[in-house]
Amino acid sequence: MAFQIVDDIFDEGHTLAAIKGSVEKRDAGSVKMAAMVRKDHERGLDRDDVDFVGMDVTDVYVFGCGMDAYEEWRHLDEILVLEDS
């Protein structure tokens, strides 16, 4: 059986990797991972570990479309960058 795992953001990749490992232990035939946003930096897992990406962003704090900042703004229908104060 094929599985697809979808997450809002691939930052360091540990969340998706843990979920993928759990699904693979259940004898999944194949597991594909998708992220709406992938951050471009050198921390964490390889950037190519995710199979499908909606958009790449620089290493900034993004929010909206399910991602929050200060437990707010998750409901926005666009992705915005939290500016330094």
Protein backbone atom coordinates (compact mmCIF):
# COMPACT_ATOMS: atom_id res chain seq x y z
CA MET A 1 0.00 0.00 0.00
CA ALA A 2 1.29 3.48 -0.85
CA PHE A 3 1.16 6.31 1.68
CA GLN A 4 1.45 10.05 1.26
CA ILE A 5 2.38 12.27 4.20
CA VAL A 6 1.66 15.98 3.95
CA ASP A 7 3.01 18.66 6.30
CA ASP A 8 2.80 22.42 6.28
CA ILE A 9 6.54 23.11 6.51
CA PHE A 10 9.80 21.22 6.05
CA ASP A 11 12.20 23.13 8.27
CA GLU A 12 14.73 20.66 9.65
CA GLY A 13 12.70 17.64 8.56
CA HIS A 14 12.57 15.73 11.83
CA THR A 15 8.76 15.65 12.09
CA LEU A 16 8.28 14.21 8.61
CA ALA A 17 11.14 11.75 9.10
CA ALA A 18 9.60 10.45 12.35
CA ILE A 19 6.18 10.02 10.75
CA LYS A 20 7.69 8.32 7.70
CA GLY A 21 9.62 5.91 9.95
CA SER A 22 6.46 5.04 11.86
CA VAL A 23 4.52 4.38 8.65
CA GLU A 24 7.35 2.27 7.19
CA LYS A 25 7.33 0.07 10.33
CA ARG A 26 3.75 -0.81 9.42
CA ASP A 27 4.91 -2.44 6.16
CA ALA A 28 4.03 0.43 3.84
CA GLY A 29 4.77 -0.42 0.24
CA SER A 30 5.97 3.11 -0.42
CA VAL A 31 5.91 6.41 1.43
CA LYS A 32 6.03 9.81 -0.27
CA MET A 33 6.33 13.08 1.63
CA ALA A 34 5.01 16.49 0.65
CA ALA A 35 5.46 19.91 2.24
CA MET A 36 3.66 23.11 1.40
CA VAL A 37 6.81 25.11 2.29
CA ARG A 38 10.47 24.02 2.43
CA LYS A 39 13.04 26.24 4.13
CA ASP A 40 16.37 26.64 2.37
CA HIS A 41 19.18 26.20 4.91
CA GLU A 42 21.83 23.67 5.92
CA ARG A 43 20.35 22.49 9.26
CA GLY A 44 18.58 19.20 9.77
CA LEU A 45 17.94 16.57 7.15
CA ASP A 46 18.74 16.78 3.47
CA ARG A 47 16.46 19.19 1.62
CA ASP A 48 15.77 16.45 -0.95
CA ASP A 49 14.22 14.12 1.67
CA VAL A 50 10.80 15.58 0.84
CA ASP A 51 9.34 14.36 -2.45
CA PHE A 52 6.94 17.19 -3.30
CA VAL A 53 7.28 20.88 -2.39
CA GLY A 54 4.81 23.71 -2.89
CA MET A 55 7.38 26.49 -2.49
CA ASP A 56 10.88 27.08 -1.21
CA VAL A 57 11.59 30.02 1.10
CA THR A 58 14.76 31.45 2.57
CA ASP A 59 15.52 30.81 6.23
CA VAL A 60 12.87 33.20 7.58
CA TYR A 61 9.92 32.76 9.95
CA VAL A 62 6.77 32.27 7.87
CA PHE A 63 3.15 32.12 8.99
CA GLY A 64 -0.36 31.75 7.57
CA CYS A 65 -2.06 28.81 5.83
CA GLY A 66 -2.01 26.77 9.05
CA MET A 67 1.36 28.00 10.34
CA ASP A 68 1.20 30.39 13.27
CA ALA A 69 3.31 33.17 14.78
CA TYR A 70 2.82 33.77 18.50
CA GLU A 71 -0.18 31.41 18.32
CA GLU A 72 -1.89 33.85 15.94
CA TRP A 73 -2.52 34.28 12.20
CA ARG A 74 -2.76 30.57 11.38
CA HIS A 75 -6.10 31.24 9.64
CA LEU A 76 -4.66 33.56 6.97
CA ASP A 77 -5.05 32.40 3.37
CA GLU A 78 -1.58 33.61 2.40
CA ILE A 79 1.95 32.94 3.64
CA LEU A 80 3.75 35.92 5.10
CA VAL A 81 7.19 36.57 6.60
CA LEU A 82 7.52 37.70 10.19
CA GLU A 83 9.75 40.76 10.05
CA ASP A 84 12.41 41.42 12.67
CA SER A 85 11.30 43.97 15.25
